[in-house]
């Protein structure tokens, strides 16, 4: 319970569209959690990673929101504080996108950033 309150004090949100899409994806995935991470690499130094996992790791913060469970590890939360996960559906395709006010630069692919 302490970890949930720690997350709530962090400013990270999912848009309604992202929540709706994660709900749909969780129905067809074997994992029961949607995990959002920041990894080293990508064209700009860091990259976002989205995956499905069966259980949280010891360093994962757990969100329970609008019928879904999602995870953000503590190190990634430092990069994501103040961010919003969006789900964008355009003529060219559909994808998750993080609006991150901490990023000083983003690459054209939209999945990598620098701070």
Protein backbone atom coordinates (compact mmCIF):
# COMPACT_ATOMS: atom_id res chain seq x y z
CA UNK A 1 0.00 0.00 0.00
CA UNK A 2 2.89 2.34 0.71
CA UNK A 3 4.16 2.00 -2.86
CA UNK A 4 0.77 3.02 -4.28
CA UNK A 5 0.74 6.21 -2.21
CA UNK A 6 4.32 6.87 -3.35
CA UNK A 7 3.18 6.69 -6.96
CA UNK A 8 0.16 8.90 -6.39
CA UNK A 9 2.54 11.57 -5.10
CA UNK A 10 4.43 11.30 -8.38
CA UNK A 11 2.89 13.19 -11.25
CA UNK A 12 2.41 10.61 -14.02
CA UNK A 13 -0.88 10.09 -15.80
CA UNK A 14 -2.53 8.04 -18.49
CA UNK A 15 -4.94 9.79 -20.83
CA UNK A 16 -8.43 8.35 -21.25
CA UNK A 17 -7.43 7.06 -24.70
CA UNK A 18 -4.35 5.33 -23.27
CA UNK A 19 -6.40 3.71 -20.49
CA UNK A 20 -8.99 2.48 -23.00
CA UNK A 21 -6.27 1.00 -25.25
CA UNK A 22 -4.42 -0.68 -22.37
CA UNK A 23 -7.71 -2.28 -21.25
CA UNK A 24 -8.16 -3.75 -24.73
CA UNK A 25 -4.57 -4.97 -24.91
CA UNK A 26 -4.65 -6.56 -21.46
CA UNK A 27 -7.57 -8.74 -22.56
CA UNK A 28 -5.44 -10.33 -25.29
CA UNK A 29 -2.06 -10.45 -23.49
CA UNK A 30 -0.89 -13.18 -21.14
CA UNK A 31 0.63 -10.67 -18.69
CA UNK A 32 -1.62 -9.00 -16.20
CA UNK A 33 0.31 -5.73 -15.93
CA UNK A 34 1.21 -3.07 -18.49
CA UNK A 35 4.75 -1.86 -17.76
CA UNK A 36 6.21 1.52 -18.74
CA UNK A 37 9.99 1.87 -18.54
CA UNK A 38 12.78 4.17 -19.59
CA UNK A 39 15.84 2.40 -20.99
CA UNK A 40 19.24 3.65 -22.06
CA UNK A 41 19.69 3.80 -25.83
CA UNK A 42 17.69 5.02 -28.76
CA UNK A 43 18.72 7.87 -31.06
CA UNK A 44 18.57 10.51 -28.32
CA UNK A 45 20.03 8.70 -25.30
CA UNK A 46 16.93 7.24 -23.62
CA UNK A 47 13.97 5.33 -24.97
CA UNK A 48 10.52 4.43 -23.74
CA UNK A 49 9.60 0.77 -23.43
CA UNK A 50 6.10 -0.69 -23.13
CA UNK A 51 5.60 -4.35 -22.21
CA UNK A 52 3.30 -6.83 -20.48
CA UNK A 53 4.47 -8.72 -17.41
CA UNK A 54 2.91 -11.27 -15.08
CA UNK A 55 4.02 -9.72 -11.79
CA UNK A 56 5.75 -6.60 -10.47
CA UNK A 57 9.46 -6.57 -9.66
CA UNK A 58 10.59 -5.38 -6.24
CA UNK A 59 11.43 -1.91 -7.66
CA UNK A 60 8.14 -1.47 -9.54
CA UNK A 61 5.56 1.05 -8.43
CA UNK A 62 2.02 -0.21 -9.01
CA UNK A 63 -0.83 1.92 -10.35
CA UNK A 64 -4.43 0.70 -10.16
CA UNK A 65 -6.50 3.07 -12.25
CA UNK A 66 -9.87 2.71 -13.99
CA UNK A 67 -9.80 -1.09 -13.97
CA UNK A 68 -6.20 -1.58 -15.12
CA UNK A 69 -2.91 -2.26 -13.36
CA UNK A 70 0.25 -0.72 -14.72
CA UNK A 71 3.80 -0.52 -13.48
CA UNK A 72 6.59 2.04 -13.58
CA UNK A 73 9.92 1.15 -12.00
CA UNK A 74 11.32 3.67 -9.52
CA UNK A 75 14.29 4.70 -11.70
CA UNK A 76 12.05 5.29 -14.74
CA UNK A 77 9.68 7.37 -12.62
CA UNK A 78 12.48 9.89 -12.10
CA UNK A 79 12.49 10.50 -15.88
CA UNK A 80 8.69 10.36 -16.22
CA UNK A 81 7.60 12.66 -13.40
CA UNK A 82 5.12 15.19 -14.79
CA UNK A 83 4.48 13.10 -17.93
CA UNK A 84 1.34 11.75 -19.55
CA UNK A 85 1.01 8.55 -21.57
CA UNK A 86 -1.14 9.24 -24.62
CA UNK A 87 -2.55 6.85 -27.21
CA UNK A 88 -2.56 8.43 -30.66
CA UNK A 89 -4.56 7.01 -33.57
CA UNK A 90 -3.83 8.69 -36.90
CA UNK A 91 -4.18 7.82 -40.55
CA UNK A 92 -0.52 6.75 -40.59
CA UNK A 93 -0.97 4.42 -37.60
CA UNK A 94 -1.66 4.13 -33.89
CA UNK A 95 0.89 4.25 -31.08
CA UNK A 96 1.61 5.15 -27.47
CA UNK A 97 3.33 8.48 -26.95
CA UNK A 98 4.65 10.04 -23.77
CA UNK A 99 4.29 13.79 -23.34
CA UNK A 100 7.37 14.38 -21.19
CA UNK A 101 8.10 17.92 -19.98
CA UNK A 102 11.52 16.73 -18.71
CA UNK A 103 12.76 15.86 -22.22
CA UNK A 104 15.01 18.48 -23.78
CA UNK A 105 14.98 16.76 -27.18
CA UNK A 106 13.00 14.01 -28.91
CA UNK A 107 13.93 12.04 -31.99
CA UNK A 108 11.67 11.80 -35.01
CA UNK A 109 10.49 8.31 -34.13
CA UNK A 110 8.94 9.60 -30.90
CA UNK A 111 10.24 6.75 -28.75
CA UNK A 112 13.57 8.24 -27.75
CA UNK A 113 14.49 11.40 -25.88
CA UNK A 114 17.25 13.19 -24.01
CA UNK A 115 17.28 15.10 -20.74
